[in-house]
């Protein structure tokens, strides 16, 4: 396995983890501030607002496998690809 393939795979996986974090962490913080602190529900809001809880976990469960599957089909690095049709 070439270094470019490993770097490409790691970058793809790191990007998917960043997207999962970006899609879930800020929303959890906002929901926690409003529901747990402002409305004094504590972490019980995770049970009563189960649909929020599902979407905190879903990107973490879906995106990493997608990155791994997408990485399997890409065996050439961008430097190996030529713009010419030959």
N, C-alpha and C. Protein backbone atom coordinates (compact mmCIF):
# COMPACT_ATOMS: atom_id res chain seq x y z
N UNK A 1 0.86 -1.19 0.00
CA UNK A 1 0.00 0.00 0.00
C UNK A 1 0.89 1.24 0.00
N UNK A 2 0.58 2.12 -0.90
CA UNK A 2 1.38 3.34 -1.01
C UNK A 2 0.97 4.36 0.04
N UNK A 3 1.88 5.26 0.32
CA UNK A 3 1.64 6.29 1.33
C UNK A 3 0.48 7.19 0.93
N UNK A 4 0.36 7.52 -0.36
CA UNK A 4 -0.72 8.40 -0.82
C UNK A 4 -2.08 7.78 -0.55
N UNK A 5 -2.18 6.45 -0.69
CA UNK A 5 -3.45 5.79 -0.41
C UNK A 5 -3.78 5.87 1.07
N UNK A 6 -2.81 5.67 1.91
CA UNK A 6 -3.05 5.75 3.35
C UNK A 6 -3.44 7.16 3.74
N UNK A 7 -2.74 8.15 3.21
CA UNK A 7 -3.05 9.54 3.53
C UNK A 7 -4.45 9.90 3.03
N UNK A 8 -4.80 9.48 1.82
CA UNK A 8 -6.12 9.75 1.28
C UNK A 8 -7.21 9.11 2.12
N UNK A 9 -6.99 7.89 2.56
CA UNK A 9 -7.96 7.19 3.39
C UNK A 9 -8.10 7.89 4.74
N UNK A 10 -6.98 8.23 5.34
CA UNK A 10 -7.02 8.91 6.64
C UNK A 10 -7.71 10.26 6.54
N UNK A 11 -7.45 10.99 5.45
CA UNK A 11 -8.10 12.28 5.27
C UNK A 11 -9.61 12.12 5.11
N UNK A 12 -10.02 11.13 4.33
CA UNK A 12 -11.45 10.89 4.12
C UNK A 12 -12.11 10.52 5.45
N UNK A 13 -11.48 9.65 6.20
CA UNK A 13 -12.03 9.23 7.49
C UNK A 13 -12.06 10.39 8.48
N UNK A 14 -11.00 11.19 8.50
CA UNK A 14 -10.96 12.35 9.39
C UNK A 14 -12.04 13.36 9.02
N UNK A 15 -12.27 13.55 7.73
CA UNK A 15 -13.31 14.48 7.29
C UNK A 15 -14.69 13.99 7.72
N UNK A 16 -14.94 12.70 7.61
CA UNK A 16 -16.26 12.19 8.00
C UNK A 16 -16.45 12.33 9.50
N UNK A 17 -15.41 12.14 10.27
CA UNK A 17 -15.53 12.34 11.72
C UNK A 17 -15.76 13.80 12.06
N UNK A 18 -15.10 14.69 11.33
CA UNK A 18 -15.31 16.11 11.55
C UNK A 18 -16.75 16.50 11.21
N UNK A 19 -17.29 15.99 10.12
CA UNK A 19 -18.67 16.29 9.74
C UNK A 19 -19.63 15.76 10.80
N UNK A 20 -19.39 14.55 11.30
CA UNK A 20 -20.24 13.99 12.35
C UNK A 20 -20.18 14.86 13.60
N UNK A 21 -18.99 15.30 13.96
CA UNK A 21 -18.85 16.17 15.13
C UNK A 21 -19.57 17.50 14.91
N UNK A 22 -19.35 18.08 13.74
CA UNK A 22 -19.94 19.38 13.41
C UNK A 22 -21.47 19.31 13.37
N UNK A 23 -22.00 18.17 12.96
CA UNK A 23 -23.45 18.02 12.85
C UNK A 23 -24.11 17.68 14.18
N UNK A 24 -23.36 17.21 15.15
CA UNK A 24 -23.99 16.76 16.40
C UNK A 24 -23.59 17.58 17.63
N UNK A 25 -22.33 17.87 17.79
CA UNK A 25 -21.87 18.52 19.02
C UNK A 25 -22.50 19.89 19.26
N UNK A 26 -22.51 20.79 18.29
CA UNK A 26 -23.14 22.09 18.56
C UNK A 26 -24.62 21.98 18.88
N UNK A 27 -25.32 21.09 18.18
CA UNK A 27 -26.74 20.92 18.45
C UNK A 27 -26.98 20.35 19.84
N UNK A 28 -26.13 19.41 20.25
CA UNK A 28 -26.27 18.89 21.60
C UNK A 28 -26.04 19.98 22.63
N UNK A 29 -25.05 20.82 22.41
CA UNK A 29 -24.77 21.92 23.35
C UNK A 29 -25.96 22.87 23.42
N UNK A 30 -26.52 23.23 22.27
CA UNK A 30 -27.68 24.13 22.27
C UNK A 30 -28.87 23.49 22.97
N UNK A 31 -29.12 22.23 22.67
CA UNK A 31 -30.24 21.53 23.31
C UNK A 31 -30.01 21.39 24.81
N UNK A 32 -28.78 21.11 25.20
CA UNK A 32 -28.47 20.99 26.62
C UNK A 32 -28.67 22.33 27.33
N UNK A 33 -28.18 23.39 26.74
CA UNK A 33 -28.35 24.71 27.37
C UNK A 33 -29.82 25.07 27.52
N UNK A 34 -30.61 24.81 26.48
CA UNK A 34 -32.01 25.21 26.53
C UNK A 34 -32.87 24.24 27.34
N UNK A 35 -32.76 22.95 27.05
CA UNK A 35 -33.64 21.99 27.69
C UNK A 35 -33.17 21.58 29.08
N UNK A 36 -31.89 21.30 29.21
CA UNK A 36 -31.39 20.80 30.49
C UNK A 36 -31.22 21.91 31.52
N UNK A 37 -30.72 23.06 31.09
CA UNK A 37 -30.44 24.13 32.05
C UNK A 37 -31.59 25.12 32.12
N UNK A 38 -31.99 25.68 31.00
CA UNK A 38 -33.04 26.71 31.00
C UNK A 38 -34.39 26.14 31.45
N UNK A 39 -34.76 24.99 30.94
CA UNK A 39 -36.03 24.39 31.33
C UNK A 39 -35.89 23.42 32.51
N UNK A 40 -34.70 23.30 33.05
CA UNK A 40 -34.41 22.49 34.24
C UNK A 40 -34.86 21.04 34.09
N UNK A 41 -34.62 20.45 32.93
CA UNK A 41 -34.98 19.05 32.71
C UNK A 41 -33.81 18.11 33.00
N UNK A 42 -32.61 18.65 33.08
CA UNK A 42 -31.44 17.80 33.26
C UNK A 42 -31.23 16.93 32.03
N UNK A 43 -30.50 15.86 32.20
CA UNK A 43 -30.25 14.97 31.08
C UNK A 43 -31.45 14.09 30.74
N UNK A 44 -32.53 14.24 31.48
CA UNK A 44 -33.76 13.51 31.18
C UNK A 44 -34.34 13.93 29.83
N UNK A 45 -33.93 15.08 29.32
CA UNK A 45 -34.41 15.50 28.00
C UNK A 45 -34.00 14.52 26.92
N UNK A 46 -32.93 13.76 27.15
CA UNK A 46 -32.49 12.77 26.16
C UNK A 46 -33.53 11.67 25.97
N UNK A 47 -34.27 11.37 27.05
CA UNK A 47 -35.31 10.35 26.96
C UNK A 47 -36.62 10.94 26.44
N UNK A 48 -37.01 12.09 26.96
CA UNK A 48 -38.28 12.66 26.55
C UNK A 48 -38.23 13.23 25.14
N UNK A 49 -37.09 13.70 24.72
CA UNK A 49 -36.90 14.16 23.35
C UNK A 49 -36.03 13.15 22.61
N UNK A 50 -36.53 11.92 22.51
CA UNK A 50 -35.77 10.82 21.95
C UNK A 50 -35.35 11.08 20.51
N UNK A 51 -36.15 11.84 19.76
CA UNK A 51 -35.82 12.11 18.36
C UNK A 51 -34.57 12.98 18.25
N UNK A 52 -34.28 13.79 19.25
CA UNK A 52 -33.02 14.54 19.26
C UNK A 52 -31.86 13.59 19.53
N UNK A 53 -32.06 12.68 20.46
CA UNK A 53 -31.02 11.73 20.83
C UNK A 53 -30.63 10.86 19.64
N UNK A 54 -31.60 10.45 18.86
CA UNK A 54 -31.31 9.62 17.68
C UNK A 54 -30.40 10.37 16.72
N UNK A 55 -30.66 11.64 16.53
CA UNK A 55 -29.85 12.40 15.58
C UNK A 55 -28.52 12.86 16.16
N UNK A 56 -28.30 12.66 17.45
CA UNK A 56 -26.95 12.86 18.00
C UNK A 56 -26.07 11.66 17.66
N UNK A 57 -26.66 10.49 17.58
CA UNK A 57 -25.91 9.25 17.38
C UNK A 57 -25.82 8.87 15.90
N UNK A 58 -26.85 9.17 15.14
CA UNK A 58 -26.94 8.72 13.75
C UNK A 58 -25.74 9.10 12.87
N UNK A 59 -25.28 10.35 12.85
CA UNK A 59 -24.12 10.66 12.00
C UNK A 59 -22.86 9.87 12.39
N UNK A 60 -22.69 9.61 13.69
CA UNK A 60 -21.52 8.86 14.14
C UNK A 60 -21.61 7.40 13.72
N UNK A 61 -22.83 6.88 13.58
CA UNK A 61 -23.01 5.49 13.17
C UNK A 61 -22.98 5.32 11.66
N UNK A 62 -23.36 6.34 10.90
CA UNK A 62 -23.50 6.21 9.46
C UNK A 62 -22.25 6.69 8.70
N UNK A 63 -21.69 7.81 9.07
CA UNK A 63 -20.62 8.41 8.28
C UNK A 63 -19.30 7.63 8.26
N UNK A 64 -18.80 7.11 9.38
CA UNK A 64 -17.55 6.34 9.29
C UNK A 64 -17.62 5.13 8.36
N UNK A 65 -18.69 4.31 8.42
CA UNK A 65 -18.74 3.21 7.44
C UNK A 65 -18.82 3.69 5.99
N UNK A 66 -19.51 4.80 5.76
CA UNK A 66 -19.57 5.34 4.40
C UNK A 66 -18.17 5.75 3.93
N UNK A 67 -17.39 6.36 4.81
CA UNK A 67 -16.02 6.75 4.44
C UNK A 67 -15.17 5.52 4.15
N UNK A 68 -15.34 4.45 4.91
CA UNK A 68 -14.57 3.24 4.66
C UNK A 68 -14.96 2.59 3.34
N UNK A 69 -16.27 2.55 3.06
CA UNK A 69 -16.74 1.96 1.81
C UNK A 69 -16.29 2.80 0.62
N UNK A 70 -16.38 4.12 0.75
CA UNK A 70 -15.94 5.00 -0.33
C UNK A 70 -14.44 4.89 -0.55
N UNK A 71 -13.67 4.61 0.48
CA UNK A 71 -12.22 4.48 0.35
C UNK A 71 -11.79 3.22 -0.35
N UNK A 72 -12.64 2.19 -0.33
CA UNK A 72 -12.28 0.92 -0.99
C UNK A 72 -12.22 1.05 -2.49
N UNK A 73 -13.10 1.84 -3.06
CA UNK A 73 -13.17 1.94 -4.51
C UNK A 73 -12.15 2.88 -5.12
N UNK A 74 -11.47 3.65 -4.33
CA UNK A 74 -10.53 4.64 -4.85
C UNK A 74 -9.12 4.16 -4.60
N UNK A 75 -8.56 3.43 -5.58
CA UNK A 75 -7.22 2.87 -5.42
C UNK A 75 -6.12 3.71 -6.05
N UNK A 76 -6.48 4.83 -6.65
CA UNK A 76 -5.46 5.68 -7.25
C UNK A 76 -5.45 7.01 -6.53
N UNK A 77 -4.28 7.56 -6.37
CA UNK A 77 -4.19 8.87 -5.75
C UNK A 77 -4.44 9.93 -6.81
N UNK A 78 -4.71 11.14 -6.38
CA UNK A 78 -4.99 12.22 -7.32
C UNK A 78 -3.77 12.56 -8.16
N UNK A 79 -2.56 12.31 -7.68
CA UNK A 79 -1.36 12.60 -8.46
C UNK A 79 -1.17 11.56 -9.58
N UNK A 80 -1.76 10.37 -9.46
CA UNK A 80 -1.64 9.36 -10.48
C UNK A 80 -2.61 9.56 -11.63
N UNK A 81 -3.64 10.32 -11.42
CA UNK A 81 -4.65 10.52 -12.45
C UNK A 81 -4.15 11.55 -13.47
N UNK A 82 -4.41 11.27 -14.69
CA UNK A 82 -4.02 12.18 -15.76
C UNK A 82 -5.26 12.85 -16.33
N UNK A 83 -5.12 14.08 -16.73
CA UNK A 83 -6.25 14.79 -17.34
C UNK A 83 -6.41 14.44 -18.81
N UNK A 84 -5.39 13.84 -19.39
CA UNK A 84 -5.48 13.48 -20.80
C UNK A 84 -6.25 12.15 -20.93
N UNK A 85 -6.95 11.95 -22.05
CA UNK A 85 -7.77 10.76 -22.22
C UNK A 85 -6.96 9.49 -22.52
N UNK A 86 -5.67 9.54 -22.67
CA UNK A 86 -4.84 8.39 -23.04
C UNK A 86 -4.85 7.38 -21.92
